[in-house]
Amino acid sequence: MNTLNKTLALIALASSSAAFAATDFDTLDVDGSGTISQREASVDAELMSKFTELDTDGNGELSKEEFSNA
């Protein structure tokens, strides 16, 4: 059920026009994990285009420090 809730939250975020202008870490960190996954970042095309470059430790997620380099 928790995965379903996260998926629905991501769909709602992606469908809102504000999502594409989102540049705030906490807004993009939908699941509150303290990192931004590729799935969470996918709502922001500009962030996705830089994701691999920003993910300096290569773990597939952006920390607040990595995100601040965007």
C-alpha atoms as a PDB file:
ATOM      1  CA  MET A   1       0.000   0.000   0.000  1.00  0.00           C
ATOM      2  CA  ASN A   2       2.854   2.411   0.789  1.00  0.00           C
ATOM      3  CA  THR A   3       4.255   1.956  -2.729  1.00  0.00           C
ATOM      4  CA  LEU A   4       0.832   2.702  -4.163  1.00  0.00           C
ATOM      5  CA  ASN A   5       0.647   5.946  -2.162  1.00  0.00           C
ATOM      6  CA  LYS A   6       4.098   6.999  -3.375  1.00  0.00           C
ATOM      7  CA  THR A   7       3.156   6.214  -6.958  1.00  0.00           C
ATOM      8  CA  LEU A   8      -0.053   8.216  -6.691  1.00  0.00           C
ATOM      9  CA  ALA A   9       1.833  11.136  -5.167  1.00  0.00           C
ATOM     10  CA  LEU A  10       4.338  11.078  -8.010  1.00  0.00           C
ATOM     11  CA  ILE A  11       1.541  10.978 -10.584  1.00  0.00           C
ATOM     12  CA  ALA A  12      -0.197  13.914  -8.915  1.00  0.00           C
ATOM     13  CA  LEU A  13       3.045  15.876  -8.792  1.00  0.00           C
ATOM     14  CA  ALA A  14       3.894  15.101 -12.392  1.00  0.00           C
ATOM     15  CA  SER A  15       0.455  16.114 -13.603  1.00  0.00           C
ATOM     16  CA  SER A  16       0.548  19.528 -11.974  1.00  0.00           C
ATOM     17  CA  SER A  17       1.991  22.395 -13.964  1.00  0.00           C
ATOM     18  CA  ALA A  18       3.842  23.574 -10.869  1.00  0.00           C
ATOM     19  CA  ALA A  19       5.862  20.367 -10.872  1.00  0.00           C
ATOM     20  CA  PHE A  20       7.772  21.394 -13.930  1.00  0.00           C
ATOM     21  CA  ALA A  21       8.901  24.590 -12.237  1.00  0.00           C
ATOM     22  CA  ALA A  22       9.824  22.821  -9.001  1.00  0.00           C
ATOM     23  CA  THR A  23      13.382  23.502  -7.952  1.00  0.00           C
ATOM     24  CA  ASP A  24      12.995  23.015  -4.212  1.00  0.00           C
ATOM     25  CA  PHE A  25      14.654  19.897  -2.800  1.00  0.00           C
ATOM     26  CA  ASP A  26      11.866  19.157  -0.330  1.00  0.00           C
ATOM     27  CA  THR A  27       9.207  19.502  -3.039  1.00  0.00           C
ATOM     28  CA  LEU A  28      10.995  16.989  -5.252  1.00  0.00           C
ATOM     29  CA  ASP A  29      11.705  14.571  -2.370  1.00  0.00           C
ATOM     30  CA  VAL A  30       8.135  13.252  -2.490  1.00  0.00           C
ATOM     31  CA  ASP A  31       8.739  10.224  -0.264  1.00  0.00           C
ATOM     32  CA  GLY A  32      10.660  12.212   2.365  1.00  0.00           C
ATOM     33  CA  SER A  33      13.703   9.940   2.186  1.00  0.00           C
ATOM     34  CA  GLY A  34      16.185  12.818   2.273  1.00  0.00           C
ATOM     35  CA  THR A  35      17.271  12.104  -1.301  1.00  0.00           C
ATOM     36  CA  ILE A  36      15.824  12.634  -4.761  1.00  0.00           C
ATOM     37  CA  SER A  37      15.537   9.465  -6.814  1.00  0.00           C
ATOM     38  CA  GLN A  38      15.545   9.445 -10.602  1.00  0.00           C
ATOM     39  CA  ARG A  39      11.824   8.761 -10.501  1.00  0.00           C
ATOM     40  CA  GLU A  40      11.232  11.802  -8.310  1.00  0.00           C
ATOM     41  CA  ALA A  41      13.531  13.929 -10.489  1.00  0.00           C
ATOM     42  CA  SER A  42      11.696  12.864 -13.635  1.00  0.00           C
ATOM     43  CA  VAL A  43       9.091  15.621 -13.087  1.00  0.00           C
ATOM     44  CA  ASP A  44      11.778  18.224 -13.861  1.00  0.00           C
ATOM     45  CA  ALA A  45      13.269  17.863 -17.355  1.00  0.00           C
ATOM     46  CA  GLU A  46      16.192  20.171 -16.615  1.00  0.00           C
ATOM     47  CA  LEU A  47      17.127  18.259 -13.464  1.00  0.00           C
ATOM     48  CA  MET A  48      16.884  14.944 -15.321  1.00  0.00           C
ATOM     49  CA  SER A  49      19.231  16.213 -18.027  1.00  0.00           C
ATOM     50  CA  LYS A  50      21.862  16.873 -15.323  1.00  0.00           C
ATOM     51  CA  PHE A  51      21.041  13.974 -12.994  1.00  0.00           C
ATOM     52  CA  THR A  52      24.003  11.730 -13.827  1.00  0.00           C
ATOM     53  CA  GLU A  53      26.422  14.636 -13.630  1.00  0.00           C
ATOM     54  CA  LEU A  54      25.022  15.778 -10.275  1.00  0.00           C
ATOM     55  CA  ASP A  55      24.988  12.260  -8.780  1.00  0.00           C
ATOM     56  CA  THR A  56      28.688  12.448  -7.914  1.00  0.00           C
ATOM     57  CA  ASP A  57      28.696   9.334  -5.731  1.00  0.00           C
ATOM     58  CA  GLY A  58      26.867   7.305  -8.395  1.00  0.00           C
ATOM     59  CA  ASN A  59      24.231   5.881  -6.047  1.00  0.00           C
ATOM     60  CA  GLY A  60      21.271   6.795  -8.270  1.00  0.00           C
ATOM     61  CA  GLU A  61      19.971   9.436  -5.862  1.00  0.00           C
ATOM     62  CA  LEU A  62      20.695  13.099  -5.244  1.00  0.00           C
ATOM     63  CA  SER A  63      21.527  14.231  -1.735  1.00  0.00           C
ATOM     64  CA  LYS A  64      20.791  17.822  -0.686  1.00  0.00           C
ATOM     65  CA  GLU A  65      24.463  18.606  -1.238  1.00  0.00           C
ATOM     66  CA  GLU A  66      24.468  17.112  -4.747  1.00  0.00           C
ATOM     67  CA  PHE A  67      21.177  18.869  -5.574  1.00  0.00           C
ATOM     68  CA  SER A  68      22.573  22.215  -4.439  1.00  0.00           C
ATOM     69  CA  ASN A  69      25.094  21.982  -7.303  1.00  0.00           C
ATOM     70  CA  ALA A  70      22.295  22.083  -9.873  1.00  0.00           C
END
